[in-house]
């Protein structure tokens, strides 16, 4: 997996709509699953920079 979501995640949902493979799962802190295509759209969508390369 190329990306991970850090504790800075606000669970705002900005990344969810950008993921073309539904690879982000909701929770107190969102998580990126193994179905991630490594496209980076979630990184661009995150308003607080909580998604980083793993």
N, C-alpha and C. Protein backbone atom coordinates (compact mmCIF):
# COMPACT_ATOMS: atom_id res chain seq x y z
N UNK A 1 0.84 -1.18 0.00
CA UNK A 1 0.00 0.00 0.00
C UNK A 1 0.89 1.24 0.00
N UNK A 2 0.60 2.16 -0.85
CA UNK A 2 1.45 3.33 -1.01
C UNK A 2 1.10 4.47 -0.07
N UNK A 3 -0.13 4.50 0.45
CA UNK A 3 -0.56 5.61 1.30
C UNK A 3 -1.14 5.10 2.60
N UNK A 4 -1.07 5.97 3.61
CA UNK A 4 -1.74 5.67 4.87
C UNK A 4 -2.33 6.96 5.41
N UNK A 5 -3.31 6.82 6.27
CA UNK A 5 -3.98 7.96 6.87
C UNK A 5 -3.50 8.08 8.31
N UNK A 6 -3.02 9.24 8.68
CA UNK A 6 -2.45 9.46 10.01
C UNK A 6 -3.50 9.91 11.02
N UNK A 7 -3.08 10.07 12.25
CA UNK A 7 -3.97 10.49 13.33
C UNK A 7 -4.50 11.90 13.16
N UNK A 8 -3.95 12.66 12.23
CA UNK A 8 -4.44 14.01 11.96
C UNK A 8 -5.78 13.99 11.24
N UNK A 9 -6.22 12.81 10.79
CA UNK A 9 -7.47 12.66 10.06
C UNK A 9 -8.65 13.22 10.88
N UNK A 10 -9.44 14.07 10.22
CA UNK A 10 -10.62 14.65 10.86
C UNK A 10 -11.89 13.86 10.57
N UNK A 11 -11.77 12.80 9.78
CA UNK A 11 -12.92 12.00 9.34
C UNK A 11 -13.97 12.89 8.69
N UNK A 12 -13.51 13.81 7.85
CA UNK A 12 -14.40 14.78 7.21
C UNK A 12 -15.08 14.23 5.96
N UNK A 13 -14.51 13.17 5.36
CA UNK A 13 -15.11 12.56 4.18
C UNK A 13 -14.63 13.10 2.85
N UNK A 14 -13.75 14.07 2.86
CA UNK A 14 -13.27 14.65 1.59
C UNK A 14 -12.61 13.62 0.69
N UNK A 15 -11.91 12.69 1.27
CA UNK A 15 -11.20 11.68 0.49
C UNK A 15 -12.12 10.60 -0.06
N UNK A 16 -13.21 10.33 0.63
CA UNK A 16 -14.10 9.23 0.23
C UNK A 16 -14.63 9.39 -1.19
N UNK A 17 -15.10 10.57 -1.51
CA UNK A 17 -15.70 10.78 -2.83
C UNK A 17 -14.66 10.80 -3.94
N UNK A 18 -13.41 11.00 -3.60
CA UNK A 18 -12.35 11.06 -4.60
C UNK A 18 -11.77 9.69 -4.94
N UNK A 19 -11.96 8.71 -4.09
CA UNK A 19 -11.36 7.40 -4.30
C UNK A 19 -12.13 6.61 -5.36
N UNK A 20 -11.49 6.30 -6.49
CA UNK A 20 -12.18 5.60 -7.56
C UNK A 20 -12.40 4.11 -7.30
N UNK A 21 -11.82 3.59 -6.23
CA UNK A 21 -11.90 2.15 -5.96
C UNK A 21 -12.53 1.84 -4.61
N UNK A 22 -13.12 2.85 -3.97
CA UNK A 22 -13.72 2.67 -2.64
C UNK A 22 -12.76 1.99 -1.67
N UNK A 23 -11.51 2.42 -1.68
CA UNK A 23 -10.48 1.80 -0.85
C UNK A 23 -10.30 2.49 0.50
N UNK A 24 -11.17 3.44 0.83
CA UNK A 24 -11.08 4.13 2.11
C UNK A 24 -12.27 3.74 2.96
N UNK A 25 -11.98 3.28 4.17
CA UNK A 25 -13.03 2.86 5.08
C UNK A 25 -13.19 3.87 6.19
N UNK A 26 -14.45 4.19 6.51
CA UNK A 26 -14.75 5.18 7.53
C UNK A 26 -14.51 4.65 8.93
N UNK A 27 -14.28 5.58 9.85
CA UNK A 27 -14.07 5.29 11.26
C UNK A 27 -13.66 6.57 11.95
N UNK A 28 -13.26 6.49 13.21
CA UNK A 28 -12.77 7.68 13.90
C UNK A 28 -11.60 8.28 13.12
N UNK A 29 -10.74 7.41 12.65
CA UNK A 29 -9.68 7.76 11.72
C UNK A 29 -9.89 6.84 10.53
N UNK A 30 -9.98 7.40 9.35
CA UNK A 30 -10.21 6.58 8.16
C UNK A 30 -9.01 5.69 7.89
N UNK A 31 -9.23 4.61 7.16
CA UNK A 31 -8.16 3.68 6.81
C UNK A 31 -8.20 3.38 5.32
N UNK A 32 -7.03 3.19 4.74
CA UNK A 32 -6.92 2.81 3.34
C UNK A 32 -6.72 1.31 3.28
N UNK A 33 -7.54 0.65 2.47
CA UNK A 33 -7.49 -0.80 2.38
C UNK A 33 -6.54 -1.26 1.28
N UNK A 34 -6.39 -2.57 1.19
CA UNK A 34 -5.49 -3.16 0.20
C UNK A 34 -5.96 -2.97 -1.24
N UNK A 35 -7.20 -2.55 -1.43
CA UNK A 35 -7.70 -2.33 -2.78
C UNK A 35 -7.29 -0.97 -3.35
N UNK A 36 -6.45 -0.26 -2.62
CA UNK A 36 -5.95 1.05 -3.06
C UNK A 36 -5.22 0.92 -4.40
N UNK A 37 -5.55 1.81 -5.33
CA UNK A 37 -4.92 1.82 -6.66
C UNK A 37 -3.67 2.71 -6.71
N UNK A 38 -3.36 3.36 -5.59
CA UNK A 38 -2.19 4.24 -5.47
C UNK A 38 -2.25 5.41 -6.45
N UNK A 39 -3.45 5.95 -6.68
CA UNK A 39 -3.61 7.04 -7.63
C UNK A 39 -3.27 8.40 -7.02
N UNK A 40 -3.39 8.54 -5.69
CA UNK A 40 -3.05 9.80 -5.03
C UNK A 40 -4.16 10.83 -4.98
N UNK A 41 -5.34 10.51 -5.49
CA UNK A 41 -6.43 11.47 -5.46
C UNK A 41 -6.85 11.81 -4.03
N UNK A 42 -6.77 10.85 -3.14
CA UNK A 42 -7.13 11.10 -1.74
C UNK A 42 -6.17 12.08 -1.09
N UNK A 43 -4.90 11.99 -1.45
CA UNK A 43 -3.89 12.89 -0.89
C UNK A 43 -4.23 14.32 -1.25
N UNK A 44 -4.58 14.54 -2.50
CA UNK A 44 -4.93 15.88 -2.97
C UNK A 44 -6.21 16.39 -2.32
N UNK A 45 -7.13 15.49 -2.00
CA UNK A 45 -8.43 15.88 -1.44
C UNK A 45 -8.39 16.19 0.04
N UNK A 46 -7.41 15.69 0.76
CA UNK A 46 -7.36 15.85 2.22
C UNK A 46 -7.01 17.29 2.60
N UNK A 47 -7.91 17.97 3.33
CA UNK A 47 -7.67 19.38 3.67
C UNK A 47 -6.62 19.60 4.76
N UNK A 48 -6.27 18.53 5.49
CA UNK A 48 -5.29 18.69 6.58
C UNK A 48 -3.99 17.92 6.34
N UNK A 49 -3.84 17.32 5.19
CA UNK A 49 -2.60 16.60 4.89
C UNK A 49 -2.41 15.34 5.71
N UNK A 50 -3.51 14.68 6.05
CA UNK A 50 -3.43 13.49 6.91
C UNK A 50 -3.12 12.21 6.13
N UNK A 51 -3.05 12.28 4.82
CA UNK A 51 -2.75 11.10 4.02
C UNK A 51 -1.34 11.25 3.48
N UNK A 52 -0.49 10.27 3.83
CA UNK A 52 0.92 10.35 3.47
C UNK A 52 1.37 9.06 2.80
N UNK A 53 2.51 9.12 2.14
CA UNK A 53 3.07 7.91 1.56
C UNK A 53 3.56 7.01 2.68
N UNK A 54 3.32 5.73 2.52
CA UNK A 54 3.70 4.75 3.53
C UNK A 54 5.06 4.18 3.22
